[in-house]
C-alpha cells in the first residue's frame, strides 16, 4: 500500500471523579476541542487518522471508554449506555468548555444521550453509523444479540479466545470495513498486538459482553429514555454519516435520522462500511469541517 500511516496519538490516564480514563490527544493548538467516542469492542485508536486530518481544525481528545483500550474496568462494573454517557459527561465537565462531540456505533448512541441531556456541553454532534434502535433483522445486530444472551455470550468468547488473534481481527475488520484491502498492514499489526494485550486482561470479556447487552437493552427501551426520542431533543447542529455498505447499521436509518434530529445534515458514503472514519477519514473530515463552519456562523441554517 502507500505511505506508512501516522502512529497512534499519545495517551495518558486521567482521574475523572473516581473513574480512571485513558485518553489520546492531538497537540494543543486550535481553540476548539473535539471529543471522540468509539464503539463496541473499539478504542481511542479508531480515531487516529480522523484526528490527524482534523488536528489543524480542533484539539482532539479520543477516550477509551471504561474497560476498553487502556482504560481500566469501571469501579461499579457499569457498562450500560447510561453509565458510559455519565462518564463522558464527567469528562466534558472537567474540560470546562463545550466540545464538538463525535461518536461511532455504540459511541454514537452514547453521544446522542449526552447531547440530549447536557446540551450545554455540546457545540456540535457528529455521528458515524450510530447504533440507534432498529429492530429489522440484520446479520450484524443478530451477532451482537447472540453475544449478549445470558451464558451464550460467555461461552462464545471463551471459544473465540482459542482462535488466533490474527483470525479474530480479520473477521472483525471484514464485518466493519466494506473493503478490508483498505486496511494498511501497519494498522492490521497494531490491531493484532492490541488484541493480544487485551487477551491478558481479566475484565476484557466482561466489558465486551456488558456493552453488547447494553446496546440490546437500548433497542427495546421505551419512554423518554428511548434514543430516538432523545435524538428529537438534540439542539446542537448534527452531522450523521452512514456507509451504504454497512453490515451492522443499515443506511435506511438515514431517513429516520433526517426526520428526527432537529438540525441535521445527512451524508452517505457509497463505498464505506461501519467505520467510515477509518476507511475514508479524509471524506469524513471534510464533512466535519463543514459542520464546524456552520457552528462558527452566527446565523445557522436549519436543515
Protein backbone atom coordinates (compact mmCIF):
# COMPACT_ATOMS: atom_id res chain seq x y z
CA UNK A 1 0.00 0.00 0.00
CA UNK A 2 1.02 3.69 0.11
CA UNK A 3 2.84 5.70 2.76
CA UNK A 4 3.08 4.48 6.32
CA UNK A 5 0.11 5.67 8.41
CA UNK A 6 0.60 8.01 11.32
CA UNK A 7 1.19 6.33 14.69
CA UNK A 8 -1.50 6.34 17.40
CA UNK A 9 -1.69 9.62 19.27
CA UNK A 10 -0.02 9.71 22.71
CA UNK A 11 -2.19 8.76 25.64
CA UNK A 12 -2.44 9.30 29.36
CA UNK A 13 -4.64 8.25 32.26
CA UNK A 14 -6.95 10.78 33.86
CA UNK A 15 -8.85 10.52 37.14
CA UNK A 16 -12.38 11.68 36.35
CA UNK A 17 -14.34 11.74 39.61
CA UNK A 18 -13.02 8.35 40.68
CA UNK A 19 -13.08 6.75 37.22
CA UNK A 20 -9.71 6.28 35.56
CA UNK A 21 -9.93 7.09 31.86
CA UNK A 22 -7.27 6.72 29.22
CA UNK A 23 -7.38 9.42 26.55
CA UNK A 24 -5.34 10.07 23.41
CA UNK A 25 -4.84 13.66 22.33
CA UNK A 26 -3.58 15.69 19.40
CA UNK A 27 -1.29 18.62 20.23
CA UNK A 28 -2.85 21.71 21.77
CA UNK A 29 -3.39 24.45 19.26
CA UNK A 30 -6.82 25.31 17.89
CA UNK A 31 -9.13 26.95 20.40
CA UNK A 32 -11.97 24.46 19.98
CA UNK A 33 -11.99 20.85 21.15
CA UNK A 34 -13.43 17.67 19.64
CA UNK A 35 -14.07 14.61 21.79
CA UNK A 36 -14.25 11.23 20.04
CA UNK A 37 -16.19 8.23 21.42
CA UNK A 38 -15.61 4.75 19.96
CA UNK A 39 -17.96 1.82 19.53
CA UNK A 40 -18.36 -1.73 20.84
CA UNK A 41 -15.02 -3.56 21.16
CA UNK A 42 -13.27 -0.46 19.83
CA UNK A 43 -10.87 2.02 21.36
CA UNK A 44 -9.48 5.53 21.00
CA UNK A 45 -7.22 4.33 18.18
CA UNK A 46 -10.33 4.00 15.97
CA UNK A 47 -9.99 7.78 15.55
CA UNK A 48 -6.25 8.07 14.84
CA UNK A 49 -6.49 9.03 11.18
CA UNK A 50 -9.54 11.28 11.50
CA UNK A 51 -7.90 13.09 14.42
CA UNK A 52 -4.86 13.61 12.21
CA UNK A 53 -6.99 15.04 9.42
CA UNK A 54 -8.64 17.49 11.83
CA UNK A 55 -5.63 18.30 14.01
CA UNK A 56 -5.32 21.80 12.49
CA UNK A 57 -9.02 22.50 12.97
CA UNK A 58 -9.64 21.29 16.53
CA UNK A 59 -7.76 19.94 19.52
CA UNK A 60 -8.71 16.24 19.54
CA UNK A 61 -9.37 14.06 22.59
CA UNK A 62 -10.26 10.40 21.98
CA UNK A 63 -11.43 8.48 25.01
CA UNK A 64 -11.08 4.78 25.80
CA UNK A 65 -14.42 4.02 27.43
CA UNK A 66 -14.18 2.21 30.80
CA UNK A 67 -12.99 -1.35 30.23
CA UNK A 68 -11.87 -0.60 26.64
CA UNK A 69 -8.45 0.21 25.25
CA UNK A 70 -6.16 1.23 28.10
CA UNK A 71 -8.94 2.34 30.46
CA UNK A 72 -9.41 0.06 33.47
CA UNK A 73 -12.77 -1.52 34.18
CA UNK A 74 -15.29 0.88 35.77
CA UNK A 75 -15.36 0.74 39.59
CA UNK A 76 -19.05 -0.22 39.56
CA UNK A 77 -18.78 -2.58 36.53
CA UNK A 78 -21.41 -0.44 34.79
CA UNK A 79 -21.18 -0.92 31.02
CA UNK A 80 -24.61 0.49 30.21
CA UNK A 81 -25.12 3.31 27.74
CA UNK A 82 -26.29 5.43 30.68
CA UNK A 83 -23.10 4.60 32.58
CA UNK A 84 -20.85 5.43 29.63
CA UNK A 85 -22.80 8.65 28.93
CA UNK A 86 -22.35 9.71 32.56
CA UNK A 87 -18.60 9.09 32.24
CA UNK A 88 -18.39 11.18 29.06
CA UNK A 89 -20.35 13.95 30.77
CA UNK A 90 -17.88 13.99 33.67
CA UNK A 91 -15.00 14.19 31.18
CA UNK A 92 -16.63 17.11 29.36
CA UNK A 93 -17.34 18.88 32.65
CA UNK A 94 -13.65 18.51 33.50
CA UNK A 95 -12.74 20.18 30.20
CA UNK A 96 -14.92 23.11 31.27
CA UNK A 97 -15.93 24.15 27.75
CA UNK A 98 -18.43 22.92 25.16
CA UNK A 99 -16.99 20.49 22.61
CA UNK A 100 -17.64 19.06 19.19
CA UNK A 101 -18.77 15.55 20.12
CA UNK A 102 -18.09 12.73 17.65
CA UNK A 103 -19.29 9.13 18.11
CA UNK A 104 -19.24 5.90 16.10
CA UNK A 105 -21.65 2.98 16.52
CA UNK A 106 -22.24 2.48 20.28
CA UNK A 107 -20.25 5.67 20.79
CA UNK A 108 -22.84 7.38 18.61
CA UNK A 109 -25.65 6.19 20.87
CA UNK A 110 -23.72 7.41 23.92
CA UNK A 111 -23.12 10.77 22.23
CA UNK A 112 -26.82 11.19 21.42
CA UNK A 113 -27.68 10.69 25.09
CA UNK A 114 -25.02 13.18 26.17
CA UNK A 115 -26.12 15.80 23.64
CA UNK A 116 -29.80 15.36 24.57
CA UNK A 117 -29.34 15.50 28.33
CA UNK A 118 -26.49 18.02 28.54
CA UNK A 119 -26.84 20.42 25.61
CA UNK A 120 -24.65 22.94 27.44
CA UNK A 121 -21.65 20.66 26.89
CA UNK A 122 -22.05 20.06 23.14
CA UNK A 123 -21.40 22.62 20.39
CA UNK A 124 -21.97 20.15 17.55
CA UNK A 125 -22.69 16.45 17.20
CA UNK A 126 -21.25 14.09 14.58
CA UNK A 127 -22.48 10.50 14.39
CA UNK A 128 -20.85 7.84 12.23
CA UNK A 129 -23.13 4.81 11.82
CA UNK A 130 -24.74 5.39 15.23
CA UNK A 131 -26.20 2.32 16.93
CA UNK A 132 -29.72 3.70 17.14
CA UNK A 133 -32.59 1.26 17.77
CA UNK A 134 -33.50 -0.72 14.65
CA UNK A 135 -35.47 -3.92 15.09
CA UNK A 136 -35.38 -5.00 11.45
CA UNK A 137 -33.49 -8.34 11.17
CA UNK A 138 -29.87 -7.97 10.08
CA UNK A 139 -26.88 -10.32 10.37
CA UNK A 140 -24.56 -7.97 12.24
CA UNK A 141 -27.00 -6.95 15.00
CA UNK A 142 -28.03 -10.59 15.31
CA UNK A 143 -24.40 -11.42 16.21
CA UNK A 144 -24.44 -8.68 18.85
CA UNK A 145 -27.70 -10.00 20.28
CA UNK A 146 -26.27 -13.53 20.42
CA UNK A 147 -23.18 -12.34 22.29
CA UNK A 148 -25.47 -10.53 24.73
CA UNK A 149 -27.56 -13.63 25.52
CA UNK A 150 -27.14 -14.97 29.06
CA UNK A 151 -24.34 -17.56 29.27
CA UNK A 152 -24.16 -17.80 25.48
CA UNK A 153 -22.01 -14.70 25.26
CA UNK A 154 -19.53 -16.01 27.80
CA UNK A 155 -19.35 -19.37 26.04
CA UNK A 156 -18.84 -17.72 22.65
CA UNK A 157 -16.00 -15.52 23.90
CA UNK A 158 -14.37 -18.48 25.62
CA UNK A 159 -14.46 -20.37 22.34
CA UNK A 160 -13.15 -17.36 20.42
CA UNK A 161 -10.20 -16.99 22.80
CA UNK A 162 -8.79 -20.20 21.31
CA UNK A 163 -8.85 -18.66 17.82
CA UNK A 164 -5.55 -16.95 16.87
CA UNK A 165 -5.71 -13.14 17.22
CA UNK A 166 -4.92 -12.70 13.52
CA UNK A 167 -8.05 -14.61 12.51
CA UNK A 168 -10.24 -12.78 15.00
CA UNK A 169 -9.04 -9.40 13.78
CA UNK A 170 -9.57 -10.39 10.16
CA UNK A 171 -13.14 -11.45 10.99
CA UNK A 172 -13.88 -8.22 12.88
CA UNK A 173 -12.44 -5.97 10.19
CA UNK A 174 -14.29 -7.87 7.48
CA UNK A 175 -17.52 -7.11 9.33
CA UNK A 176 -16.71 -3.43 9.93
CA UNK A 177 -14.99 -2.48 6.65
CA UNK A 178 -16.67 -2.54 3.26
CA UNK A 179 -13.31 -3.43 1.70
CA UNK A 180 -10.76 -4.98 4.03
CA UNK A 181 -8.00 -4.35 1.48
CA UNK A 182 -8.15 -0.72 2.60
CA UNK A 183 -6.66 -1.70 5.96
CA UNK A 184 -2.97 -0.79 5.95
CA UNK A 185 -0.69 -3.65 7.09
CA UNK A 186 0.59 -1.46 9.93
CA UNK A 187 -2.94 -0.86 11.16
CA UNK A 188 -3.55 -4.61 10.99
CA UNK A 189 -0.40 -5.26 13.02
CA UNK A 190 -1.46 -2.68 15.62
CA UNK A 191 -4.90 -4.29 15.95
CA UNK A 192 -3.45 -7.78 16.41
CA UNK A 193 -1.00 -6.60 19.06
CA UNK A 194 -3.77 -4.76 20.89
CA UNK A 195 -5.98 -7.87 20.88
CA UNK A 196 -3.11 -9.94 22.27
CA UNK A 197 -2.70 -7.42 25.09
CA UNK A 198 -6.40 -7.42 25.88
CA UNK A 199 -6.50 -11.23 25.93
CA UNK A 200 -4.45 -10.98 29.11
CA UNK A 201 -6.84 -8.62 30.90
CA UNK A 202 -9.22 -10.32 33.39
CA UNK A 203 -12.09 -7.93 32.64
CA UNK A 204 -11.85 -7.79 28.82
CA UNK A 205 -14.61 -10.34 28.13
CA UNK A 206 -16.95 -8.82 30.72
CA UNK A 207 -16.51 -5.41 29.11
CA UNK A 208 -17.44 -6.65 25.63
CA UNK A 209 -20.42 -8.68 26.87
CA UNK A 210 -21.60 -5.84 29.11
CA UNK A 211 -21.53 -3.35 26.23
CA UNK A 212 -23.29 -5.78 23.87
CA UNK A 213 -26.05 -6.29 26.41
CA UNK A 214 -26.31 -2.53 26.87
CA UNK A 215 -26.90 -1.99 23.14
CA UNK A 216 -29.57 -4.69 23.03
CA UNK A 217 -31.36 -3.14 26.02
CA UNK A 218 -31.38 0.23 24.28
CA UNK A 219 -33.08 -1.31 21.25
CA UNK A 220 -36.05 -2.24 23.44
CA UNK A 221 -36.09 0.81 25.68
CA UNK A 222 -39.33 2.78 25.70
CA UNK A 223 -40.40 6.08 27.19
CA UNK A 224 -38.44 9.36 27.30
CA UNK A 225 -35.14 7.47 27.56
CA UNK A 226 -35.58 5.89 24.12
CA UNK A 227 -32.68 7.03 21.95
CA UNK A 228 -34.87 8.20 19.08
CA UNK A 229 -36.95 10.30 21.47
CA UNK A 230 -33.74 11.74 22.87
CA UNK A 231 -32.47 12.45 19.34
CA UNK A 232 -35.50 14.69 18.86
CA UNK A 233 -34.29 16.76 21.81
CA UNK A 234 -30.78 17.38 20.48
CA UNK A 235 -30.33 21.11 19.91
CA UNK A 236 -26.76 21.03 18.58
CA UNK A 237 -26.28 21.06 14.79
CA UNK A 238 -25.81 17.44 13.83
CA UNK A 239 -23.97 15.57 11.09
CA UNK A 240 -24.89 11.91 10.56
CA UNK A 241 -22.69 9.76 8.31
CA UNK A 242 -23.75 6.36 7.00
CA UNK A 243 -21.87 3.86 4.86
CA UNK A 244 -24.05 2.29 2.19
CA UNK A 245 -22.14 -0.99 2.62
CA UNK A 246 -22.51 -1.09 6.40
CA UNK A 247 -23.26 -4.64 7.60
CA UNK A 248 -24.13 -3.54 11.14
CA UNK A 249 -26.21 -0.36 10.80
CA UNK A 250 -28.48 -0.19 7.77
CA UNK A 251 -28.25 3.03 5.75
CA UNK A 252 -32.07 3.15 5.68
CA UNK A 253 -31.75 4.63 9.17
CA UNK A 254 -30.61 7.84 7.48
CA UNK A 255 -34.22 8.56 6.55
CA UNK A 256 -35.36 8.29 10.14
CA UNK A 257 -32.42 10.35 11.36
CA UNK A 258 -33.35 13.04 8.86
CA UNK A 259 -36.88 13.16 10.27
CA UNK A 260 -35.96 13.06 13.95
CA UNK A 261 -32.87 15.22 14.60
CA UNK A 262 -34.00 18.86 14.62
CA UNK A 263 -30.93 20.38 12.90
CA UNK A 264 -29.29 17.67 10.83
CA UNK A 265 -27.29 17.08 7.67
CA UNK A 266 -27.08 13.53 6.33
CA UNK A 267 -24.12 12.13 4.39
CA UNK A 268 -23.97 8.68 2.83
CA UNK A 269 -20.68 7.25 1.56
CA UNK A 270 -21.32 4.60 -1.11
CA UNK A 271 -18.09 2.62 -0.58
CA UNK A 272 -17.98 2.77 3.23
CA UNK A 273 -18.89 0.19 5.82
CA UNK A 274 -19.43 0.63 9.55
CA UNK A 275 -16.31 2.67 10.33
CA UNK A 276 -16.23 5.39 7.69
CA UNK A 277 -13.88 7.44 9.87
CA UNK A 278 -11.29 4.68 9.46
CA UNK A 279 -11.98 3.79 5.82
CA UNK A 280 -12.37 7.34 4.48
CA UNK A 281 -11.00 9.71 7.14
CA UNK A 282 -10.40 12.49 4.63
CA UNK A 283 -14.03 12.39 3.46
CA UNK A 284 -15.45 12.39 7.00
CA UNK A 285 -13.04 15.16 7.99
CA UNK A 286 -14.24 17.31 5.10
CA UNK A 287 -17.86 16.90 6.21
CA UNK A 288 -16.96 17.74 9.82
CA UNK A 289 -15.19 20.90 8.64
CA UNK A 290 -18.45 21.97 7.01
CA UNK A 291 -20.19 21.40 10.35
CA UNK A 292 -17.52 23.40 12.19
CA UNK A 293 -18.04 26.27 9.78
CA UNK A 294 -21.79 26.08 10.39
CA UNK A 295 -21.31 26.39 14.16
CA UNK A 296 -19.00 29.37 13.67
CA UNK A 297 -21.58 31.22 11.55
CA UNK A 298 -23.78 33.48 13.70
CA UNK A 299 -26.96 32.69 11.76
CA UNK A 300 -27.02 28.87 11.48
CA UNK A 301 -29.02 27.28 8.70
CA UNK A 302 -31.69 24.84 9.83
CA UNK A 303 -31.61 21.58 7.92
